C-alpha atoms as a PDB file:
ATOM      1  CA  MET A   1      -6.842-184.349  70.341  1.00  0.00           C
ATOM      2  CA  PRO A   2      -9.363-186.568  68.527  1.00  0.00           C
ATOM      3  CA  PHE A   3     -12.129-183.928  68.520  1.00  0.00           C
ATOM      4  CA  GLU A   4     -10.162-181.025  67.059  1.00  0.00           C
ATOM      5  CA  ASP A   5     -11.541-181.442  63.520  1.00  0.00           C
ATOM      6  CA  LEU A   6     -15.152-181.286  64.669  1.00  0.00           C
ATOM      7  CA  LYS A   7     -17.311-178.202  64.645  1.00  0.00           C
ATOM      8  CA  HIS A   8     -17.098-176.173  67.837  1.00  0.00           C
ATOM      9  CA  ALA A   9     -20.593-177.050  69.123  1.00  0.00           C
ATOM     10  CA  GLN A  10     -20.171-180.821  68.786  1.00  0.00           C
ATOM     11  CA  ARG A  11     -16.630-180.706  70.128  1.00  0.00           C
ATOM     12  CA  ALA A  12     -17.916-178.916  73.253  1.00  0.00           C
ATOM     13  CA  ARG A  13     -20.494-181.673  73.772  1.00  0.00           C
ATOM     14  CA  LEU A  14     -17.926-184.469  73.410  1.00  0.00           C
ATOM     15  CA  GLU A  15     -15.535-182.725  75.770  1.00  0.00           C
ATOM     16  CA  TYR A  16     -18.398-182.472  78.262  1.00  0.00           C
ATOM     17  CA  LEU A  17     -18.959-186.224  77.926  1.00  0.00           C
ATOM     18  CA  ASP A  18     -15.256-186.729  78.522  1.00  0.00           C
ATOM     19  CA  ARG A  19     -15.480-184.744  81.762  1.00  0.00           C
ATOM     20  CA  LEU A  20     -18.547-186.679  82.917  1.00  0.00           C
ATOM     21  CA  PHE A  21     -16.877-190.029  82.368  1.00  0.00           C
ATOM     22  CA  PHE A  22     -13.797-188.837  84.250  1.00  0.00           C
ATOM     23  CA  TRP A  23     -15.551-187.212  87.214  1.00  0.00           C
ATOM     24  CA  ASP A  24     -18.882-189.089  87.462  1.00  0.00           C
ATOM     25  CA  GLY A  25     -17.779-192.345  85.899  1.00  0.00           C
ATOM     26  CA  ALA A  26     -21.034-192.391  83.920  1.00  0.00           C
ATOM     27  CA  ALA A  27     -23.037-190.469  81.310  1.00  0.00           C
ATOM     28  CA  THR A  28     -26.294-190.747  79.390  1.00  0.00           C
ATOM     29  CA  ARG A  29     -27.918-189.161  76.388  1.00  0.00           C
ATOM     30  CA  ALA A  30     -30.030-187.226  78.867  1.00  0.00           C
ATOM     31  CA  SER A  31     -26.814-185.677  80.220  1.00  0.00           C
ATOM     32  CA  LEU A  32     -26.216-184.034  76.848  1.00  0.00           C
ATOM     33  CA  ILE A  33     -29.857-183.181  76.228  1.00  0.00           C
ATOM     34  CA  LYS A  34     -30.221-181.414  79.569  1.00  0.00           C
ATOM     35  CA  ARG A  35     -26.896-179.592  79.317  1.00  0.00           C
ATOM     36  CA  PHE A  36     -27.098-178.459  75.676  1.00  0.00           C
ATOM     37  CA  GLY A  37     -30.794-178.635  74.778  1.00  0.00           C
ATOM     38  CA  ILE A  38     -30.190-180.924  71.800  1.00  0.00           C
ATOM     39  CA  SER A  39     -32.472-183.625  70.381  1.00  0.00           C
ATOM     40  CA  ASN A  40     -32.300-187.282  71.336  1.00  0.00           C
ATOM     41  CA  ALA A  41     -31.086-188.100  67.807  1.00  0.00           C
ATOM     42  CA  GLN A  42     -28.213-185.625  68.099  1.00  0.00           C
ATOM     43  CA  ALA A  43     -27.289-186.982  71.528  1.00  0.00           C
ATOM     44  CA  ALA A  44     -27.198-190.505  70.080  1.00  0.00           C
ATOM     45  CA  LEU A  45     -24.953-189.315  67.252  1.00  0.00           C
ATOM     46  CA  ASP A  46     -22.632-187.624  69.755  1.00  0.00           C
ATOM     47  CA  PHE A  47     -22.379-190.831  71.770  1.00  0.00           C
ATOM     48  CA  ARG A  48     -21.537-192.858  68.654  1.00  0.00           C
ATOM     49  CA  THR A  49     -18.846-190.347  67.725  1.00  0.00           C
ATOM     50  CA  TYR A  50     -17.388-190.436  71.214  1.00  0.00           C
ATOM     51  CA  LEU A  51     -17.448-194.228  71.478  1.00  0.00           C
ATOM     52  CA  ALA A  52     -15.667-194.517  68.124  1.00  0.00           C
ATOM     53  CA  GLU A  53     -12.745-192.551  69.586  1.00  0.00           C
ATOM     54  CA  ALA A  54     -12.671-194.117  73.049  1.00  0.00           C
ATOM     55  CA  PRO A  55     -10.241-197.002  73.669  1.00  0.00           C
ATOM     56  CA  LYS A  56     -11.755-200.468  73.437  1.00  0.00           C
ATOM     57  CA  ASP A  57     -13.300-201.650  76.708  1.00  0.00           C
ATOM     58  CA  ALA A  58     -12.864-198.214  78.349  1.00  0.00           C
ATOM     59  CA  LEU A  59     -16.668-197.861  78.517  1.00  0.00           C
ATOM     60  CA  HIS A  60     -19.587-200.234  78.679  1.00  0.00           C
ATOM     61  CA  TYR A  61     -23.353-199.851  78.587  1.00  0.00           C
ATOM     62  CA  ASP A  62     -25.174-200.871  81.757  1.00  0.00           C
ATOM     63  CA  ALA A  63     -28.706-201.949  80.832  1.00  0.00           C
ATOM     64  CA  SER A  64     -30.040-201.812  84.384  1.00  0.00           C
ATOM     65  CA  SER A  65     -29.151-198.154  84.928  1.00  0.00           C
ATOM     66  CA  ARG A  66     -29.417-197.247  81.227  1.00  0.00           C
ATOM     67  CA  GLN A  67     -26.138-195.399  81.166  1.00  0.00           C
ATOM     68  CA  TYR A  68     -22.614-195.800  79.939  1.00  0.00           C
ATOM     69  CA  LEU A  69     -20.087-196.511  82.684  1.00  0.00           C
ATOM     70  CA  ALA A  70     -16.357-195.895  82.643  1.00  0.00           C
ATOM     71  CA  HIS A  71     -13.996-198.689  83.604  1.00  0.00           C
ATOM     72  CA  ASP A  72     -11.113-198.046  85.973  1.00  0.00           C
ATOM     73  CA  SER A  73      -8.832-198.071  82.922  1.00  0.00           C
ATOM     74  CA  PHE A  74     -10.675-195.096  81.375  1.00  0.00           C
ATOM     75  CA  GLU A  75      -8.449-192.266  80.193  1.00  0.00           C
ATOM     76  CA  ARG A  76      -9.640-188.899  78.990  1.00  0.00           C
ATOM     77  CA  LEU A  77      -9.562-188.011  75.320  1.00  0.00           C
ATOM     78  CA  SER A  78      -9.475-184.224  75.714  1.00  0.00           C
ATOM     79  CA  GLY A  79      -6.407-183.551  77.836  1.00  0.00           C
ATOM     80  CA  LYS A  80      -5.728-183.442  81.542  1.00  0.00           C
ATOM     81  CA  ALA A  81      -8.426-182.733  84.075  1.00  0.00           C
ATOM     82  CA  SER A  82      -8.428-179.653  86.280  1.00  0.00           C
ATOM     83  CA  SER A  83     -10.036-178.597  89.529  1.00  0.00           C
ATOM     84  CA  MET A  84     -11.809-175.842  87.574  1.00  0.00           C
ATOM     85  CA  GLU A  85     -13.850-178.530  85.812  1.00  0.00           C
ATOM     86  CA  LEU A  86     -14.984-179.914  89.148  1.00  0.00           C
ATOM     87  CA  GLU A  87     -16.059-176.423  90.234  1.00  0.00           C
ATOM     88  CA  GLN A  88     -18.119-176.077  87.054  1.00  0.00           C
ATOM     89  CA  LEU A  89     -19.785-179.464  87.561  1.00  0.00           C
ATOM     90  CA  LEU A  90     -20.609-178.710  91.195  1.00  0.00           C
ATOM     91  CA  ALA A  91     -21.924-175.226  90.387  1.00  0.00           C
ATOM     92  CA  GLY A  92     -24.190-176.663  87.671  1.00  0.00           C
ATOM     93  CA  ALA A  93     -25.653-179.405  89.856  1.00  0.00           C
ATOM     94  CA  PRO A  94     -29.435-179.333  90.551  1.00  0.00           C
ATOM     95  CA  SER A  95     -28.670-178.416  94.156  1.00  0.00           C
ATOM     96  CA  PRO A  96     -25.428-176.426  93.853  1.00  0.00           C
ATOM     97  CA  ALA A  97     -22.808-177.918  96.169  1.00  0.00           C
ATOM     98  CA  PHE A  98     -20.167-175.288  95.588  1.00  0.00           C
ATOM     99  CA  ASP A  99     -19.495-171.692  96.539  1.00  0.00           C
ATOM    100  CA  ARG A 100     -16.473-169.443  96.694  1.00  0.00           C
ATOM    101  CA  LEU A 101     -15.296-166.654  98.937  1.00  0.00           C
ATOM    102  CA  PRO A 102     -16.288-163.152  97.844  1.00  0.00           C
ATOM    103  CA  ASP A 103     -13.650-161.394  95.790  1.00  0.00           C
ATOM    104  CA  LEU A 104     -12.813-157.909  97.022  1.00  0.00           C
ATOM    105  CA  GLN A 105     -12.476-156.357  93.623  1.00  0.00           C
ATOM    106  CA  ARG A 106      -9.595-153.933  93.334  1.00  0.00           C
ATOM    107  CA  THR A 107     -10.348-150.753  91.427  1.00  0.00           C
ATOM    108  CA  GLN A 108      -9.026-150.899  87.870  1.00  0.00           C
ATOM    109  CA  ASP A 109      -9.832-147.438  86.512  1.00  0.00           C
ATOM    110  CA  LEU A 110      -9.554-147.326  82.734  1.00  0.00           C
ATOM    111  CA  ARG A 111      -8.836-143.592  82.998  1.00  0.00           C
ATOM    112  CA  VAL A 112      -5.544-144.675  84.536  1.00  0.00           C
ATOM    113  CA  LEU A 113      -4.828-147.912  82.705  1.00  0.00           C
ATOM    114  CA  ARG A 114      -5.324-146.517  79.209  1.00  0.00           C
ATOM    115  CA  PRO A 115      -2.870-143.587  79.451  1.00  0.00           C
ATOM    116  CA  LEU A 116      -0.336-145.855  81.182  1.00  0.00           C
ATOM    117  CA  TYR A 117      -0.656-148.336  78.339  1.00  0.00           C
ATOM    118  CA  ARG A 118      -0.355-145.602  75.720  1.00  0.00           C
ATOM    119  CA  ALA A 119       2.762-144.204  77.392  1.00  0.00           C
ATOM    120  CA  PHE A 120       4.206-147.722  77.446  1.00  0.00           C
ATOM    121  CA  ARG A 121       3.436-148.222  73.748  1.00  0.00           C
ATOM    122  CA  ALA A 122       4.864-144.836  72.787  1.00  0.00           C
ATOM    123  CA  LYS A 123       7.959-145.267  75.000  1.00  0.00           C
ATOM    124  CA  GLU A 124       7.076-142.023  76.767  1.00  0.00           C
ATOM    125  CA  ALA A 125       7.292-140.757  80.317  1.00  0.00           C
ATOM    126  CA  THR A 126       4.186-139.304  81.879  1.00  0.00           C
ATOM    127  CA  LYS A 127       3.563-137.072  84.869  1.00  0.00           C
ATOM    128  CA  ILE A 128       1.417-138.579  87.616  1.00  0.00           C
ATOM    129  CA  VAL A 129       0.162-137.733  91.082  1.00  0.00           C
ATOM    130  CA  TYR A 130       0.652-140.823  93.221  1.00  0.00           C
ATOM    131  CA  GLN A 131      -0.348-141.729  96.751  1.00  0.00           C
ATOM    132  CA  SER A 132       2.018-144.369  98.109  1.00  0.00           C
ATOM    133  CA  MET A 133       1.554-146.170 101.389  1.00  0.00           C
ATOM    134  CA  ARG A 134       4.867-144.787 102.640  1.00  0.00           C
ATOM    135  CA  ASP A 135       4.238-141.105 102.017  1.00  0.00           C
ATOM    136  CA  PRO A 136       1.572-139.264 104.025  1.00  0.00           C
ATOM    137  CA  GLU A 137       0.496-137.118 101.061  1.00  0.00           C
ATOM    138  CA  PRO A 138       0.330-137.583  97.273  1.00  0.00           C
ATOM    139  CA  MET A 139       3.509-136.862  95.347  1.00  0.00           C
ATOM    140  CA  THR A 140       4.040-135.738  91.780  1.00  0.00           C
ATOM    141  CA  ARG A 141       6.346-137.989  89.792  1.00  0.00           C
ATOM    142  CA  TRP A 142       7.529-138.559  86.278  1.00  0.00           C
ATOM    143  CA  ILE A 143       7.422-142.250  85.389  1.00  0.00           C
ATOM    144  CA  ALA A 144       8.135-144.261  82.237  1.00  0.00           C
ATOM    145  CA  PRO A 145       6.004-147.449  82.123  1.00  0.00           C
ATOM    146  CA  VAL A 146       8.067-150.411  80.908  1.00  0.00           C
ATOM    147  CA  ARG A 147       6.093-153.519  81.984  1.00  0.00           C
ATOM    148  CA  PHE A 148       2.743-154.655  83.355  1.00  0.00           C
ATOM    149  CA  ALA A 149       2.275-157.569  85.748  1.00  0.00           C
ATOM    150  CA  SER A 150      -0.483-159.213  87.732  1.00  0.00           C
ATOM    151  CA  ASP A 151      -0.241-160.517  91.289  1.00  0.00           C
ATOM    152  CA  GLY A 152      -3.317-162.661  90.650  1.00  0.00           C
ATOM    153  CA  VAL A 153      -5.718-159.990  91.900  1.00  0.00           C
ATOM    154  CA  ARG A 154      -4.822-156.747  90.168  1.00  0.00           C
ATOM    155  CA  LEU A 155      -2.610-155.270  87.498  1.00  0.00           C
ATOM    156  CA  HIS A 156       0.263-153.089  88.470  1.00  0.00           C
ATOM    157  CA  VAL A 157       2.692-151.158  86.298  1.00  0.00           C
ATOM    158  CA  ARG A 158       6.446-151.387  86.575  1.00  0.00           C
ATOM    159  CA  ALA A 159       8.005-148.095  85.633  1.00  0.00           C
ATOM    160  CA  TRP A 160      11.215-146.118  85.787  1.00  0.00           C
ATOM    161  CA  CYS A 161      10.747-143.405  88.395  1.00  0.00           C
ATOM    162  CA  PHE A 162      12.757-140.316  87.469  1.00  0.00           C
ATOM    163  CA  GLU A 163      12.541-138.928  91.023  1.00  0.00           C
ATOM    164  CA  ARG A 164      13.826-142.124  92.675  1.00  0.00           C
ATOM    165  CA  GLU A 165      16.060-143.037  89.725  1.00  0.00           C
ATOM    166  CA  ASP A 166      14.990-146.641  90.033  1.00  0.00           C
ATOM    167  CA  PHE A 167      12.395-149.094  88.760  1.00  0.00           C
ATOM    168  CA  ARG A 168       9.321-149.148  90.995  1.00  0.00           C
ATOM    169  CA  ASP A 169       5.933-150.861  91.028  1.00  0.00           C
ATOM    170  CA  PHE A 170       2.966-148.505  90.878  1.00  0.00           C
ATOM    171  CA  HIS A 171      -0.584-149.570  91.670  1.00  0.00           C
ATOM    172  CA  PRO A 172      -2.927-147.869  89.189  1.00  0.00           C
ATOM    173  CA  ALA A 173      -5.638-147.312  91.838  1.00  0.00           C
ATOM    174  CA  ARG A 174      -3.247-145.009  93.700  1.00  0.00           C
ATOM    175  CA  ILE A 175      -2.773-142.717  90.701  1.00  0.00           C
ATOM    176  CA  ASP A 176      -5.072-139.690  90.644  1.00  0.00           C
ATOM    177  CA  PRO A 177      -6.685-139.738  87.167  1.00  0.00           C
ATOM    178  CA  ASP A 178      -7.830-136.119  87.418  1.00  0.00           C
ATOM    179  CA  GLN A 179      -4.379-134.707  88.132  1.00  0.00           C
ATOM    180  CA  SER A 180      -2.207-137.067  86.097  1.00  0.00           C
ATOM    181  CA  PHE A 181      -1.204-137.636  82.466  1.00  0.00           C
ATOM    182  CA  ALA A 182      -1.513-133.997  81.347  1.00  0.00           C
ATOM    183  CA  LYS A 183       2.163-133.997  80.375  1.00  0.00           C
ATOM    184  CA  THR A 184       4.302-136.527  78.561  1.00  0.00           C
ATOM    185  CA  LYS A 185       7.815-136.559  77.156  1.00  0.00           C
ATOM    186  CA  PRO A 186      10.131-139.052  75.446  1.00  0.00           C
ATOM    187  CA  ALA A 187      11.413-141.617  77.926  1.00  0.00           C
ATOM    188  CA  GLU A 188      15.100-141.034  77.448  1.00  0.00           C
ATOM    189  CA  ALA A 189      18.000-142.624  79.335  1.00  0.00           C
ATOM    190  CA  VAL A 190      15.899-145.387  80.871  1.00  0.00           C
ATOM    191  CA  PRO A 191      18.320-148.210  81.752  1.00  0.00           C
ATOM    192  CA  ARG A 192      17.613-151.886  81.266  1.00  0.00           C
ATOM    193  CA  ASP A 193      15.473-153.362  84.020  1.00  0.00           C
ATOM    194  CA  ASP A 194      17.935-155.978  85.278  1.00  0.00           C
ATOM    195  CA  ASP A 195      15.555-157.262  87.975  1.00  0.00           C
ATOM    196  CA  TRP A 196      12.968-158.031  85.296  1.00  0.00           C
ATOM    197  CA  PHE A 197      15.537-160.038  83.342  1.00  0.00           C
ATOM    198  CA  THR A 198      16.837-161.972  86.342  1.00  0.00           C
ATOM    199  CA  TRP A 199      15.341-165.224  87.578  1.00  0.00           C
ATOM    200  CA  ALA A 200      14.711-165.563  91.291  1.00  0.00           C
ATOM    201  CA  ILE A 201      14.791-169.293  92.021  1.00  0.00           C
ATOM    202  CA  LEU A 202      13.236-170.019  95.404  1.00  0.00           C
ATOM    203  CA  LYS A 203      13.786-173.370  97.052  1.00  0.00           C
ATOM    204  CA  LEU A 204      11.096-174.207  99.574  1.00  0.00           C
ATOM    205  CA  LYS A 205      10.363-176.948 102.082  1.00  0.00           C
ATOM    206  CA  PRO A 206       7.587-177.666 104.595  1.00  0.00           C
ATOM    207  CA  HIS A 207       8.064-175.414 107.591  1.00  0.00           C
ATOM    208  CA  SER A 208      10.297-176.937 110.273  1.00  0.00           C
ATOM    209  CA  ARG A 209       7.787-176.106 113.052  1.00  0.00           C
ATOM    210  CA  LEU A 210       5.338-178.633 111.554  1.00  0.00           C
ATOM    211  CA  THR A 211       5.168-182.224 112.709  1.00  0.00           C
ATOM    212  CA  GLU A 212       6.376-184.980 110.427  1.00  0.00           C
ATOM    213  CA  ALA A 213       2.774-185.904 109.572  1.00  0.00           C
ATOM    214  CA  GLN A 214       1.911-182.272 108.807  1.00  0.00           C
ATOM    215  CA  GLN A 215       4.988-181.904 106.629  1.00  0.00           C
ATOM    216  CA  ARG A 216       3.934-184.993 104.704  1.00  0.00           C
ATOM    217  CA  VAL A 217       0.536-183.527 103.772  1.00  0.00           C
ATOM    218  CA  VAL A 218       2.137-180.173 102.893  1.00  0.00           C
ATOM    219  CA  ARG A 219       4.337-182.047 100.415  1.00  0.00           C
ATOM    220  CA  ILE A 220       1.207-183.587  98.912  1.00  0.00           C
ATOM    221  CA  GLU A 221      -0.690-180.281  98.882  1.00  0.00           C
ATOM    222  CA  PHE A 222       2.054-178.381  97.079  1.00  0.00           C
ATOM    223  CA  GLY A 223       3.086-181.174  94.746  1.00  0.00           C
ATOM    224  CA  PHE A 224       6.599-181.865  96.008  1.00  0.00           C
ATOM    225  CA  THR A 225       8.503-184.365  93.862  1.00  0.00           C
ATOM    226  CA  SER A 226      11.781-184.062  95.795  1.00  0.00           C
ATOM    227  CA  ASP A 227      13.027-182.796  99.154  1.00  0.00           C
ATOM    228  CA  VAL A 228      12.598-179.171  98.094  1.00  0.00           C
ATOM    229  CA  LEU A 229      10.119-177.395  95.853  1.00  0.00           C
ATOM    230  CA  GLU A 230      11.547-174.976  93.316  1.00  0.00           C
ATOM    231  CA  ALA A 231       9.580-171.882  92.344  1.00  0.00           C
ATOM    232  CA  ARG A 232      10.937-169.660  89.593  1.00  0.00           C
ATOM    233  CA  THR A 233       9.854-166.075  89.137  1.00  0.00           C
ATOM    234  CA  ARG A 234      11.350-162.791  88.035  1.00  0.00           C
ATOM    235  CA  LYS A 235      13.376-160.994  90.663  1.00  0.00           C
ATOM    236  CA  ALA A 236      11.114-158.000  90.045  1.00  0.00           C
ATOM    237  CA  LEU A 237       8.117-160.110  91.127  1.00  0.00           C
ATOM    238  CA  GLU A 238       9.759-161.861  94.063  1.00  0.00           C
ATOM    239  CA  PHE A 239       7.823-159.881  96.669  1.00  0.00           C
ATOM    240  CA  TYR A 240       4.460-160.816  95.152  1.00  0.00           C
ATOM    241  CA  THR A 241       5.470-164.452  94.784  1.00  0.00           C
ATOM    242  CA  GLU A 242       6.454-164.766  98.447  1.00  0.00           C
ATOM    243  CA  ARG A 243       3.260-163.056  99.533  1.00  0.00           C
ATOM    244  CA  ARG A 244       1.097-165.313  97.388  1.00  0.00           C
ATOM    245  CA  TRP A 245       2.828-168.442  98.677  1.00  0.00           C
ATOM    246  CA  GLY A 246       2.230-167.212 102.226  1.00  0.00           C
ATOM    247  CA  LEU A 247       5.906-167.173 103.227  1.00  0.00           C
ATOM    248  CA  GLU A 248       5.432-164.051 105.332  1.00  0.00           C
ATOM    249  CA  GLN A 249       2.354-165.279 107.200  1.00  0.00           C
ATOM    250  CA  LYS A 250       2.447-165.695 110.957  1.00  0.00           C
ATOM    251  CA  GLU A 251       2.362-169.501 110.742  1.00  0.00           C
ATOM    252  CA  PRO A 252       3.391-170.393 107.172  1.00  0.00           C
ATOM    253  CA  ARG A 253       3.276-173.934 105.873  1.00  0.00           C
ATOM    254  CA  LEU A 254       6.380-173.390 103.759  1.00  0.00           C
ATOM    255  CA  GLU A 255       9.748-171.872 104.513  1.00  0.00           C
ATOM    256  CA  ARG A 256      12.466-170.701 102.202  1.00  0.00           C
ATOM    257  CA  VAL A 257      15.604-172.831 102.071  1.00  0.00           C
ATOM    258  CA  SER A 258      17.488-170.563  99.703  1.00  0.00           C
ATOM    259  CA  ILE A 259      17.097-168.187  96.809  1.00  0.00           C
ATOM    260  CA  ASP A 260      19.394-167.888  93.820  1.00  0.00           C
ATOM    261  CA  TYR A 261      19.456-165.047  91.331  1.00  0.00           C
ATOM    262  CA  VAL A 262      20.299-166.096  87.791  1.00  0.00           C
ATOM    263  CA  PRO A 263      20.531-163.559  84.931  1.00  0.00           C
ATOM    264  CA  MET A 264      18.493-164.577  81.918  1.00  0.00           C
ATOM    265  CA  SER A 265      20.300-165.679  78.797  1.00  0.00           C
ATOM    266  CA  GLU A 266      20.179-163.459  75.732  1.00  0.00           C
ATOM    267  CA  GLU A 267      17.745-165.946  74.171  1.00  0.00           C
ATOM    268  CA  GLU A 268      15.448-165.667  77.169  1.00  0.00           C
ATOM    269  CA  ILE A 269      15.688-161.880  77.127  1.00  0.00           C
ATOM    270  CA  ASP A 270      14.800-161.787  73.441  1.00  0.00           C
ATOM    271  CA  ALA A 271      11.806-164.038  74.133  1.00  0.00           C
ATOM    272  CA  ASN A 272      10.657-161.710  76.913  1.00  0.00           C
END
């Protein structure tokens, strides 16, 4: 990237210019002054630095509007654009034109996460009191944490359950911090988590109940480049992947064509 050798503050300003030219198609010194509180002289210097890196004829100065305009041939200097940038620009507008749904924050109690992490680091099993959604009352279990994962909303711990003799996902919020973690022991005889080291390769297509026109926009929405869309995840995370993609909804936009399970290579296992 052409700005990588600059100091952080100036690089941030030039990257902001880059975003303005991409999204707005125009920028002025005042854009930088208002956003960063810099002087007019510094804004002029930033523009000269940016223009020196921009391709010839990608920008031109419009005297009537007193701003630099981007030609249709303009290409960014600081990497690909993202929808997150658009959210930031909209949220920072004089009259904000953007909002988001409230996030129902899941409890992430550090009194639970820290001892789970320490047991994981020490390769120990720990005794917990856990309330599952299948059992009517809390149960005491010995678990050995082996992995952590996020479903996009919350962390959960994947652990060997000595009672079930299987790997299970445990949601930290369902562990009682006051009655858990008093006892630990070496996590012996924990087998390899084969589901963690197996790829689940889902092949998806627009749902067959949709009309041809609806299927066409679903292909656009989800970025199809062929007849089917391939999503790769760990077998251990397959449930969360399907839920996040909405495959189990009442009227899903996607349906599963097939799923293949492929063990990871030794190189992939070593990298994981």
